[in-house]
Amino acid sequence: MEISKTKAAFYSTLSSKKVRNKHGMFIVEGEKCVTDTIGAFELVNLIATKKWAESHKYIVTEFSALFLEATPEVLKKISSLSTPPEVIAIFRIPEEDTLPDISNKLVLALDGIQDPGNLGTIIRTADWFGVDIILASKDTVDVYNPKTIQSTMGSLRRVKVYYTSLPEVIRKNKGVAIYGTLLDGVDMFKTELSNNGIIVMGNEGNGISNEMRGLIDHPLLIPPYKDNSHGESLNVAIATAITLATFRNC
C-alpha cells in the first residue's frame, strides 16, 4: 500500500518533541538504524521505496501489514536528513520503566546534555563499552530526537535511558561510588577505578552543575598531553569515550 499524503505530512512533524510526546511516536531513518532498531520497539509503520522493499523482502514480508511504499520525493518530505534515506520506520515510544538496581553496575549520569548528536554518540559509546543504563537529568535533550536516534546507530535497542532527578538517585544509592570529570579532579589514568559506580558527565558549556558537584566523591581529570598546549575543554562525547575506556581498562 502506498502512504497517504495525510500520513506522510503527519510523520514529517515527528521532528518536534511536542508532537512526539503527544502521539507517543518517534522516527528512525536509514537502513542501518532501522534494521538495528526494528524488533526493539513496537513498530507503527515501515516506509520505504519500492527498490528498497524489493531488496529487503525478508523484512517487508515480516512486517507486511505495517509496510507503506513511498517515492523518494515523499521520503524527502518526511525525513529530517539533508540526504533522505530509502527507508524510514515509525515506532511507539515505550512507557517509562522503573529504574532497576544499579548498585553493582557501571552507569552514566548525564547532567544537562543539550546537543542531540552528543547524546546519540554517548549512547553509542556506552553500548560499545558495555554500559546499558544511562541516567539523564530532566533537562537533557530528548533521546527520541531524530538527530539523537541517527547518532546512536542502532545502539538504543541495547542502552536504556532513564530521565530522572540525578541527585535523588544518588542519594538513594548510598555507598555507590560517584565519579565526575572536573578540571580540579585527580588524574584518572593514575587512579584505581571501580568496576561499578555512577559516572557524571556535564553540560557542553557549563560542565557539571553545582548541585551535582557536591555529590561527587571521586573527582577525575582527563589530563592534557601538555599543560600549556591544549584547548579549554574536550567535547563531552569524546570525554565520555575516554572515561569509559579508562574504566574498562582498554
Protein backbone atom coordinates (compact mmCIF):
# COMPACT_ATOMS: atom_id res chain seq x y z
CA MET A 1 0.00 0.00 0.00
CA GLU A 2 1.21 3.49 -0.80
CA ILE A 3 1.49 6.01 2.01
CA SER A 4 -1.20 8.70 2.03
CA LYS A 5 -0.40 12.41 1.85
CA THR A 6 -2.04 12.92 5.23
CA LYS A 7 0.05 10.27 6.96
CA ALA A 8 3.24 11.48 5.26
CA ALA A 9 2.52 15.03 6.42
CA PHE A 10 1.92 13.85 9.97
CA TYR A 11 5.10 11.77 10.14
CA SER A 12 7.10 14.77 8.95
CA THR A 13 6.10 16.56 12.19
CA LEU A 14 7.70 13.91 14.44
CA SER A 15 10.86 16.00 14.47
CA SER A 16 9.03 18.06 17.10
CA LYS A 17 9.31 16.86 20.70
CA LYS A 18 5.83 18.21 21.42
CA VAL A 19 4.34 16.09 18.62
CA ARG A 20 6.34 13.01 19.65
CA ASN A 21 5.13 13.28 23.24
CA LYS A 22 1.53 13.95 22.25
CA HIS A 23 1.26 10.95 19.94
CA GLY A 24 3.83 8.67 21.58
CA MET A 25 5.80 8.01 18.40
CA PHE A 26 9.32 8.58 17.12
CA ILE A 27 11.02 8.30 13.76
CA VAL A 28 14.08 6.28 12.76
CA GLU A 29 15.78 6.93 9.44
CA GLY A 30 18.18 4.99 7.25
CA GLU A 31 18.82 1.29 6.68
CA LYS A 32 21.41 0.81 9.44
CA CYS A 33 19.34 2.49 12.15
CA VAL A 34 16.05 0.93 11.03
CA THR A 35 17.33 -2.64 10.76
CA ASP A 36 19.18 -2.38 14.10
CA THR A 37 16.19 -0.86 15.91
CA ILE A 38 13.35 -2.92 14.46
CA GLY A 39 12.21 -5.55 16.95
CA ALA A 40 13.32 -3.49 19.94
CA PHE A 41 10.30 -1.18 19.86
CA GLU A 42 6.70 -1.53 18.73
CA LEU A 43 6.59 -0.78 15.01
CA VAL A 44 3.84 1.52 13.73
CA ASN A 45 4.84 1.75 10.07
CA LEU A 46 7.74 0.78 7.86
CA ILE A 47 8.02 3.22 4.95
CA ALA A 48 10.36 2.61 2.03
CA THR A 49 10.88 2.95 -1.69
CA LYS A 50 9.84 0.13 -3.98
CA LYS A 51 13.51 -0.52 -4.77
CA TRP A 52 14.42 -0.90 -1.08
CA ALA A 53 11.43 -3.15 -0.44
CA GLU A 54 12.40 -5.46 -3.27
CA SER A 55 15.95 -5.85 -1.95
CA HIS A 56 14.77 -6.38 1.65
CA LYS A 57 11.86 -8.75 1.13
CA TYR A 58 12.62 -10.65 4.33
CA ILE A 59 11.88 -7.53 6.39
CA VAL A 60 8.94 -6.32 4.32
CA THR A 61 7.35 -9.77 4.43
CA GLU A 62 7.65 -9.97 8.20
CA PHE A 63 6.03 -6.56 8.65
CA SER A 64 3.82 -6.59 5.56
CA ALA A 65 0.74 -5.35 7.44
CA LEU A 66 2.66 -2.25 8.52
CA PHE A 67 4.55 -1.58 5.28
CA LEU A 68 3.88 1.54 3.25
CA GLU A 69 5.53 2.29 -0.08
CA ALA A 70 6.73 5.81 -0.79
CA THR A 71 8.55 7.63 -3.56
CA PRO A 72 11.94 9.25 -2.88
CA GLU A 73 10.18 12.63 -3.08
CA VAL A 74 7.73 11.69 -0.31
CA LEU A 75 10.51 10.27 1.87
CA LYS A 76 12.36 13.55 1.45
CA LYS A 77 9.34 15.42 2.82
CA ILE A 78 9.14 13.11 5.84
CA SER A 79 12.87 12.96 6.54
CA SER A 80 14.85 15.43 8.64
CA LEU A 81 18.10 14.44 6.90
CA SER A 82 19.72 16.53 4.18
CA THR A 83 20.02 13.37 2.09
CA PRO A 84 16.77 11.44 2.52
CA PRO A 85 17.05 7.68 3.15
CA GLU A 86 15.31 4.90 1.26
CA VAL A 87 13.65 3.59 4.41
CA ILE A 88 12.05 5.15 7.49
CA ALA A 89 10.41 3.45 10.46
CA ILE A 90 7.88 4.86 12.91
CA PHE A 91 7.92 3.34 16.41
CA ARG A 92 5.90 3.71 19.59
CA ILE A 93 7.67 5.44 22.46
CA PRO A 94 7.71 2.82 25.24
CA GLU A 95 6.28 3.54 28.66
CA GLU A 96 8.86 4.57 31.22
CA ASP A 97 10.19 1.66 33.26
CA THR A 98 11.13 1.73 36.92
CA LEU A 99 14.86 2.21 37.37
CA PRO A 100 16.43 -1.16 38.20
CA ASP A 101 19.04 -1.79 40.89
CA ILE A 102 22.24 -0.04 39.80
CA SER A 103 24.34 -0.68 42.91
CA ASN A 104 26.52 -3.26 41.18
CA LYS A 105 26.65 -1.71 37.72
CA LEU A 106 28.67 0.94 35.93
CA VAL A 107 26.25 3.60 34.73
CA LEU A 108 26.46 7.05 33.17
CA ALA A 109 24.67 10.10 34.55
CA LEU A 110 24.21 12.94 32.06
CA ASP A 111 23.77 16.33 33.66
CA GLY A 112 22.10 18.70 31.20
CA ILE A 113 23.42 17.44 27.86
CA GLN A 114 21.86 19.67 25.19
CA ASP A 115 23.22 18.57 21.84
CA PRO A 116 21.27 15.64 20.33
CA GLY A 117 24.33 14.48 18.40
CA ASN A 118 26.36 14.33 21.59
CA LEU A 119 23.65 12.32 23.34
CA GLY A 120 23.42 9.86 20.48
CA THR A 121 27.19 9.43 20.35
CA ILE A 122 27.32 8.90 24.12
CA ILE A 123 24.65 6.17 23.83
CA ARG A 124 26.60 4.51 21.03
CA THR A 125 29.81 4.75 23.08
CA ALA A 126 28.13 3.34 26.18
CA ASP A 127 26.93 0.39 24.10
CA TRP A 128 30.48 -0.25 22.90
CA PHE A 129 31.82 -0.35 26.46
CA GLY A 130 29.02 -2.49 27.88
CA VAL A 131 27.16 0.25 29.76
CA ASP A 132 23.45 -0.43 29.30
CA ILE A 133 21.94 2.13 31.70
CA ILE A 134 22.15 5.90 31.32
CA LEU A 135 20.61 8.28 33.83
CA ALA A 136 19.65 11.62 32.28
CA SER A 137 18.65 14.81 34.07
CA LYS A 138 15.23 16.05 33.06
CA ASP A 139 16.77 18.98 31.17
CA THR A 140 18.86 16.66 28.99
CA VAL A 141 17.85 16.63 25.31
CA ASP A 142 15.15 14.15 24.27
CA VAL A 143 16.54 10.71 23.45
CA TYR A 144 13.91 10.36 20.69
CA ASN A 145 15.12 13.47 18.85
CA PRO A 146 15.79 12.34 15.25
CA LYS A 147 19.40 13.58 15.41
CA THR A 148 19.96 11.62 18.61
CA ILE A 149 18.46 8.48 17.09
CA GLN A 150 20.63 8.88 14.00
CA SER A 151 23.78 9.28 16.09
CA THR A 152 23.09 6.14 18.14
CA MET A 153 23.38 3.98 15.00
CA GLY A 154 21.01 1.42 16.48
CA SER A 155 22.51 1.28 19.99
CA LEU A 156 19.26 2.45 21.56
CA ARG A 157 17.98 -1.12 21.47
CA ARG A 158 20.67 -2.14 23.97
CA VAL A 159 21.07 1.01 26.10
CA LYS A 160 18.19 2.24 28.26
CA VAL A 161 17.96 5.95 29.08
CA TYR A 162 16.09 6.96 32.24
CA TYR A 163 15.08 10.61 32.72
CA THR A 164 15.14 11.29 36.42
CA SER A 165 16.37 13.50 39.23
CA LEU A 166 20.08 12.68 39.37
CA PRO A 167 20.58 13.97 42.96
CA GLU A 168 17.65 11.87 44.13
CA VAL A 169 19.02 8.70 42.53
CA ILE A 170 22.46 9.32 44.02
CA ARG A 171 21.04 9.92 47.49
CA LYS A 172 19.07 6.68 47.26
CA ASN A 173 22.21 4.75 46.33
CA LYS A 174 24.40 5.47 49.34
CA GLY A 175 27.66 3.60 49.19
CA VAL A 176 27.85 3.70 45.40
CA ALA A 177 30.96 5.49 44.13
CA ILE A 178 30.11 8.76 42.36
CA TYR A 179 32.68 9.83 39.77
CA GLY A 180 32.71 13.08 37.83
CA THR A 181 35.04 14.68 35.29
CA LEU A 182 36.24 18.00 36.73
CA LEU A 183 39.20 20.26 35.99
CA ASP A 184 40.25 20.03 39.65
CA GLY A 185 39.98 16.24 39.72
CA VAL A 186 42.76 13.69 40.06
CA ASP A 187 44.45 12.13 37.04
CA MET A 188 42.13 9.27 36.05
CA PHE A 189 44.99 7.41 34.38
CA LYS A 190 46.77 7.15 37.72
CA THR A 191 43.71 6.35 39.81
CA GLU A 192 42.31 2.98 40.82
CA LEU A 193 38.80 2.85 39.37
CA SER A 194 35.89 0.63 40.38
CA ASN A 195 34.04 -1.82 38.15
CA ASN A 196 30.80 -0.21 39.25
CA GLY A 197 29.58 3.24 40.16
CA ILE A 198 27.97 6.32 38.64
CA ILE A 199 29.99 8.47 36.22
CA VAL A 200 28.64 12.02 35.89
CA MET A 201 29.20 13.89 32.63
CA GLY A 202 28.25 17.56 32.45
CA ASN A 203 26.67 20.10 30.14
CA GLU A 204 28.60 21.11 26.99
CA GLY A 205 29.08 24.72 28.06
CA ASN A 206 28.77 24.77 31.84
CA GLY A 207 30.00 21.35 32.84
CA ILE A 208 28.57 19.58 35.88
CA SER A 209 26.03 21.61 37.85
CA ASN A 210 26.90 22.90 41.33
CA GLU A 211 24.37 20.60 42.98
CA MET A 212 25.86 17.56 41.31
CA ARG A 213 29.43 18.65 42.06
CA GLY A 214 28.60 18.49 45.73
CA LEU A 215 27.60 14.83 45.36
CA ILE A 216 30.75 13.67 43.57
CA ASP A 217 33.13 11.85 45.90
CA HIS A 218 35.66 10.84 43.23
CA PRO A 219 36.51 13.86 41.03
CA LEU A 220 38.50 12.82 37.96
CA LEU A 221 40.60 14.70 35.42
CA ILE A 222 41.41 13.66 31.87
CA PRO A 223 44.91 15.16 31.78
CA PRO A 224 46.03 17.00 28.64
CA TYR A 225 49.19 15.89 26.88
CA LYS A 226 50.95 19.14 27.79
CA ASP A 227 49.76 21.66 30.36
CA ASN A 228 50.24 24.68 28.12
CA SER A 229 49.20 23.39 24.71
CA HIS A 230 45.56 22.41 24.81
CA GLY A 231 42.08 23.82 24.29
CA GLU A 232 39.72 24.88 27.03
CA SER A 233 37.92 21.53 27.26
CA LEU A 234 37.04 18.29 25.50
CA ASN A 235 33.76 17.61 23.73
CA VAL A 236 31.55 15.74 26.20
CA ALA A 237 31.06 12.74 23.91
CA ILE A 238 34.84 12.43 23.42
CA ALA A 239 35.39 12.83 27.16
CA THR A 240 32.83 10.08 27.81
CA ALA A 241 34.62 7.73 25.42
CA ILE A 242 38.00 8.32 27.09
CA THR A 243 36.48 7.91 30.55
CA LEU A 244 34.68 4.65 29.75
CA ALA A 245 37.74 3.24 28.00
CA THR A 246 39.78 4.01 31.14
CA PHE A 247 37.22 2.38 33.44
CA ARG A 248 37.15 -0.69 31.23
CA ASN A 249 40.98 -0.82 31.19
CA CYS A 250 41.08 -0.51 27.41
